[in-house]
Amino acid sequence: MRLKSNLPTKICPVCKRPFAWRKKWEPNWDEVLYCSERCRRNKNSVLIKKSEE
């Protein structure tokens, strides 16, 4: 069993917050980019902000 402190983490490109591995993401952890559905839905707003800069 994994200790929760040893779970892999990633940084969400939308909100810039770290998020930890979840059991439901086990089969496709390498493909997971966003911490939540909300960030996944708002991914285009980040692209728009970057293009304005």
PDB file of N, CA and C in Angstrom:
ATOM      1  N   MET A   1       0.836  -1.187   0.000  1.00  0.00           N
ATOM      2  CA  MET A   1       0.000   0.000   0.000  1.00  0.00           C
ATOM      3  C   MET A   1       0.879   1.248   0.000  1.00  0.00           C
ATOM      4  N   ARG A   2       0.491   2.237  -0.761  1.00  0.00           N
ATOM      5  CA  ARG A   2       1.247   3.491  -0.828  1.00  0.00           C
ATOM      6  C   ARG A   2       0.896   4.400   0.340  1.00  0.00           C
ATOM      7  N   LEU A   3       1.894   5.110   0.818  1.00  0.00           N
ATOM      8  CA  LEU A   3       1.627   6.148   1.806  1.00  0.00           C
ATOM      9  C   LEU A   3       1.174   7.392   1.060  1.00  0.00           C
ATOM     10  N   LYS A   4       0.232   8.113   1.610  1.00  0.00           N
ATOM     11  CA  LYS A   4      -0.287   9.290   0.914  1.00  0.00           C
ATOM     12  C   LYS A   4       0.774  10.354   0.694  1.00  0.00           C
ATOM     13  N   SER A   5       1.757  10.413   1.545  1.00  0.00           N
ATOM     14  CA  SER A   5       2.810  11.411   1.374  1.00  0.00           C
ATOM     15  C   SER A   5       3.737  11.071   0.217  1.00  0.00           C
ATOM     16  N   ASN A   6       3.708   9.832  -0.255  1.00  0.00           N
ATOM     17  CA  ASN A   6       4.590   9.403  -1.334  1.00  0.00           C
ATOM     18  C   ASN A   6       3.903   9.343  -2.693  1.00  0.00           C
ATOM     19  N   LEU A   7       2.693   9.860  -2.813  1.00  0.00           N
ATOM     20  CA  LEU A   7       1.985   9.817  -4.087  1.00  0.00           C
ATOM     21  C   LEU A   7       2.611  10.792  -5.076  1.00  0.00           C
ATOM     22  N   PRO A   8       2.668  10.415  -6.356  1.00  0.00           N
ATOM     23  CA  PRO A   8       3.201  11.346  -7.353  1.00  0.00           C
ATOM     24  C   PRO A   8       2.275  12.551  -7.509  1.00  0.00           C
ATOM     25  N   THR A   9       2.836  13.676  -7.866  1.00  0.00           N
ATOM     26  CA  THR A   9       2.041  14.886  -8.058  1.00  0.00           C
ATOM     27  C   THR A   9       2.364  15.517  -9.403  1.00  0.00           C
ATOM     28  N   LYS A  10       1.459  16.371  -9.846  1.00  0.00           N
ATOM     29  CA  LYS A  10       1.631  17.168 -11.060  1.00  0.00           C
ATOM     30  C   LYS A  10       1.116  18.567 -10.759  1.00  0.00           C
ATOM     31  N   ILE A  11       1.463  19.520 -11.619  1.00  0.00           N
ATOM     32  CA  ILE A  11       0.967  20.887 -11.493  1.00  0.00           C
ATOM     33  C   ILE A  11      -0.073  21.114 -12.585  1.00  0.00           C
ATOM     34  N   CYS A  12      -1.224  21.584 -12.206  1.00  0.00           N
ATOM     35  CA  CYS A  12      -2.294  21.869 -13.166  1.00  0.00           C
ATOM     36  C   CYS A  12      -1.916  23.113 -13.972  1.00  0.00           C
ATOM     37  N   PRO A  13      -1.957  23.054 -15.310  1.00  0.00           N
ATOM     38  CA  PRO A  13      -1.576  24.210 -16.127  1.00  0.00           C
ATOM     39  C   PRO A  13      -2.576  25.364 -16.058  1.00  0.00           C
ATOM     40  N   VAL A  14      -3.782  25.110 -15.588  1.00  0.00           N
ATOM     41  CA  VAL A  14      -4.809  26.152 -15.519  1.00  0.00           C
ATOM     42  C   VAL A  14      -4.725  26.923 -14.210  1.00  0.00           C
ATOM     43  N   CYS A  15      -4.800  26.222 -13.086  1.00  0.00           N
ATOM     44  CA  CYS A  15      -4.830  26.893 -11.782  1.00  0.00           C
ATOM     45  C   CYS A  15      -3.457  26.949 -11.109  1.00  0.00           C
ATOM     46  N   LYS A  16      -2.474  26.262 -11.672  1.00  0.00           N
ATOM     47  CA  LYS A  16      -1.090  26.251 -11.157  1.00  0.00           C
ATOM     48  C   LYS A  16      -0.959  25.617  -9.777  1.00  0.00           C
ATOM     49  N   ARG A  17      -1.930  24.816  -9.381  1.00  0.00           N
ATOM     50  CA  ARG A  17      -1.879  24.137  -8.085  1.00  0.00           C
ATOM     51  C   ARG A  17      -1.413  22.696  -8.268  1.00  0.00           C
ATOM     52  N   PRO A  18      -0.728  22.157  -7.272  1.00  0.00           N
ATOM     53  CA  PRO A  18      -0.337  20.744  -7.369  1.00  0.00           C
ATOM     54  C   PRO A  18      -1.533  19.836  -7.087  1.00  0.00           C
ATOM     55  N   PHE A  19      -1.563  18.703  -7.761  1.00  0.00           N
ATOM     56  CA  PHE A  19      -2.580  17.701  -7.461  1.00  0.00           C
ATOM     57  C   PHE A  19      -1.924  16.332  -7.437  1.00  0.00           C
ATOM     58  N   ALA A  20      -2.461  15.460  -6.607  1.00  0.00           N
ATOM     59  CA  ALA A  20      -1.848  14.155  -6.359  1.00  0.00           C
ATOM     60  C   ALA A  20      -2.548  13.055  -7.152  1.00  0.00           C
ATOM     61  N   TRP A  21      -1.814  11.973  -7.304  1.00  0.00           N
ATOM     62  CA  TRP A  21      -2.302  10.776  -7.974  1.00  0.00           C
ATOM     63  C   TRP A  21      -3.563  10.276  -7.300  1.00  0.00           C
ATOM     64  N   ARG A  22      -4.514   9.777  -8.105  1.00  0.00           N
ATOM     65  CA  ARG A  22      -5.731   9.159  -7.577  1.00  0.00           C
ATOM     66  C   ARG A  22      -5.871   7.767  -8.170  1.00  0.00           C
ATOM     67  N   LYS A  23      -6.485   6.902  -7.432  1.00  0.00           N
ATOM     68  CA  LYS A  23      -6.672   5.521  -7.888  1.00  0.00           C
ATOM     69  C   LYS A  23      -7.406   5.479  -9.229  1.00  0.00           C
ATOM     70  N   LYS A  24      -8.405   6.330  -9.423  1.00  0.00           N
ATOM     71  CA  LYS A  24      -9.169   6.299 -10.678  1.00  0.00           C
ATOM     72  C   LYS A  24      -8.323   6.740 -11.871  1.00  0.00           C
ATOM     73  N   TRP A  25      -7.201   7.435 -11.621  1.00  0.00           N
ATOM     74  CA  TRP A  25      -6.310   7.861 -12.706  1.00  0.00           C
ATOM     75  C   TRP A  25      -5.198   6.853 -12.967  1.00  0.00           C
ATOM     76  N   GLU A  26      -5.172   5.761 -12.220  1.00  0.00           N
ATOM     77  CA  GLU A  26      -4.080   4.790 -12.334  1.00  0.00           C
ATOM     78  C   GLU A  26      -3.822   4.325 -13.771  1.00  0.00           C
ATOM     79  N   PRO A  27      -4.847   3.957 -14.553  1.00  0.00           N
ATOM     80  CA  PRO A  27      -4.564   3.452 -15.902  1.00  0.00           C
ATOM     81  C   PRO A  27      -4.000   4.503 -16.856  1.00  0.00           C
ATOM     82  N   ASN A  28      -4.272   5.777 -16.608  1.00  0.00           N
ATOM     83  CA  ASN A  28      -3.819   6.806 -17.551  1.00  0.00           C
ATOM     84  C   ASN A  28      -3.201   8.027 -16.871  1.00  0.00           C
ATOM     85  N   TRP A  29      -2.455   7.822 -15.804  1.00  0.00           N
ATOM     86  CA  TRP A  29      -1.831   8.929 -15.067  1.00  0.00           C
ATOM     87  C   TRP A  29      -0.939   9.778 -15.966  1.00  0.00           C
ATOM     88  N   ASP A  30      -0.256   9.166 -16.912  1.00  0.00           N
ATOM     89  CA  ASP A  30       0.627   9.920 -17.804  1.00  0.00           C
ATOM     90  C   ASP A  30      -0.146  10.890 -18.695  1.00  0.00           C
ATOM     91  N   GLU A  31      -1.418  10.604 -18.942  1.00  0.00           N
ATOM     92  CA  GLU A  31      -2.242  11.449 -19.804  1.00  0.00           C
ATOM     93  C   GLU A  31      -3.025  12.513 -19.031  1.00  0.00           C
ATOM     94  N   VAL A  32      -3.091  12.400 -17.719  1.00  0.00           N
ATOM     95  CA  VAL A  32      -3.851  13.353 -16.903  1.00  0.00           C
ATOM     96  C   VAL A  32      -3.116  14.688 -16.883  1.00  0.00           C
ATOM     97  N   LEU A  33      -3.821  15.757 -17.268  1.00  0.00           N
ATOM     98  CA  LEU A  33      -3.215  17.085 -17.306  1.00  0.00           C
ATOM     99  C   LEU A  33      -3.830  18.054 -16.305  1.00  0.00           C
ATOM    100  N   TYR A  34      -5.117  17.890 -16.033  1.00  0.00           N
ATOM    101  CA  TYR A  34      -5.854  18.866 -15.236  1.00  0.00           C
ATOM    102  C   TYR A  34      -6.295  18.268 -13.910  1.00  0.00           C
ATOM    103  N   CYS A  35      -6.370  19.106 -12.886  1.00  0.00           N
ATOM    104  CA  CYS A  35      -6.710  18.623 -11.550  1.00  0.00           C
ATOM    105  C   CYS A  35      -8.203  18.362 -11.382  1.00  0.00           C
ATOM    106  N   SER A  36      -9.028  18.974 -12.225  1.00  0.00           N
ATOM    107  CA  SER A  36     -10.471  18.844 -12.057  1.00  0.00           C
ATOM    108  C   SER A  36     -11.188  19.066 -13.383  1.00  0.00           C
ATOM    109  N   GLU A  37     -12.470  18.748 -13.395  1.00  0.00           N
ATOM    110  CA  GLU A  37     -13.300  19.023 -14.572  1.00  0.00           C
ATOM    111  C   GLU A  37     -13.377  20.526 -14.834  1.00  0.00           C
ATOM    112  N   ARG A  38     -13.427  21.300 -13.781  1.00  0.00           N
ATOM    113  CA  ARG A  38     -13.495  22.755 -13.937  1.00  0.00           C
ATOM    114  C   ARG A  38     -12.270  23.283 -14.685  1.00  0.00           C
ATOM    115  N   CYS A  39     -11.098  22.831 -14.310  1.00  0.00           N
ATOM    116  CA  CYS A  39      -9.880  23.259 -15.001  1.00  0.00           C
ATOM    117  C   CYS A  39      -9.846  22.734 -16.432  1.00  0.00           C
ATOM    118  N   ARG A  40     -10.320  21.525 -16.638  1.00  0.00           N
ATOM    119  CA  ARG A  40     -10.346  20.972 -17.991  1.00  0.00           C
ATOM    120  C   ARG A  40     -11.260  21.802 -18.889  1.00  0.00           C
ATOM    121  N   ARG A  41     -12.401  22.232 -18.352  1.00  0.00           N
ATOM    122  CA  ARG A  41     -13.331  23.064 -19.129  1.00  0.00           C
ATOM    123  C   ARG A  41     -12.760  24.448 -19.398  1.00  0.00           C
ATOM    124  N   ASN A  42     -11.950  24.967 -18.484  1.00  0.00           N
ATOM    125  CA  ASN A  42     -11.404  26.322 -18.616  1.00  0.00           C
ATOM    126  C   ASN A  42     -10.030  26.357 -19.261  1.00  0.00           C
ATOM    127  N   LYS A  43      -9.601  25.277 -19.866  1.00  0.00           N
ATOM    128  CA  LYS A  43      -8.268  25.231 -20.462  1.00  0.00           C
ATOM    129  C   LYS A  43      -8.091  26.266 -21.565  1.00  0.00           C
ATOM    130  N   ASN A  44      -9.158  26.597 -22.287  1.00  0.00           N
ATOM    131  CA  ASN A  44      -9.056  27.572 -23.370  1.00  0.00           C
ATOM    132  C   ASN A  44      -8.863  28.993 -22.855  1.00  0.00           C
ATOM    133  N   SER A  45      -9.365  29.295 -21.689  1.00  0.00           N
ATOM    134  CA  SER A  45      -9.185  30.639 -21.140  1.00  0.00           C
ATOM    135  C   SER A  45      -7.715  30.904 -20.833  1.00  0.00           C
ATOM    136  N   VAL A  46      -6.965  29.882 -20.492  1.00  0.00           N
ATOM    137  CA  VAL A  46      -5.528  30.032 -20.246  1.00  0.00           C
ATOM    138  C   VAL A  46      -4.817  30.311 -21.562  1.00  0.00           C
ATOM    139  N   LEU A  47      -5.214  29.632 -22.618  1.00  0.00           N
ATOM    140  CA  LEU A  47      -4.606  29.856 -23.932  1.00  0.00           C
ATOM    141  C   LEU A  47      -4.867  31.275 -24.417  1.00  0.00           C
ATOM    142  N   ILE A  48      -6.049  31.790 -24.173  1.00  0.00           N
ATOM    143  CA  ILE A  48      -6.390  33.156 -24.584  1.00  0.00           C
ATOM    144  C   ILE A  48      -5.539  34.156 -23.812  1.00  0.00           C
ATOM    145  N   LYS A  49      -5.378  33.954 -22.508  1.00  0.00           N
ATOM    146  CA  LYS A  49      -4.565  34.862 -21.695  1.00  0.00           C
ATOM    147  C   LYS A  49      -3.115  34.862 -22.160  1.00  0.00           C
ATOM    148  N   LYS A  50      -2.579  33.695 -22.507  1.00  0.00           N
ATOM    149  CA  LYS A  50      -1.193  33.615 -22.967  1.00  0.00           C
ATOM    150  C   LYS A  50      -1.011  34.347 -24.289  1.00  0.00           C
ATOM    151  N   SER A  51      -1.985  34.269 -25.183  1.00  0.00           N
ATOM    152  CA  SER A  51      -1.857  34.918 -26.484  1.00  0.00           C
ATOM    153  C   SER A  51      -1.960  36.438 -26.369  1.00  0.00           C
ATOM    154  N   GLU A  52      -2.628  36.928 -25.335  1.00  0.00           N
ATOM    155  CA  GLU A  52      -2.753  38.376 -25.138  1.00  0.00           C
ATOM    156  C   GLU A  52      -1.459  38.987 -24.622  1.00  0.00           C
ATOM    157  N   GLU A  53      -0.643  38.209 -23.954  1.00  0.00           N
ATOM    158  CA  GLU A  53       0.593  38.736 -23.354  1.00  0.00           C
ATOM    159  C   GLU A  53       1.656  38.981 -24.378  1.00  0.00           C
TER     160      GLU A  53
END
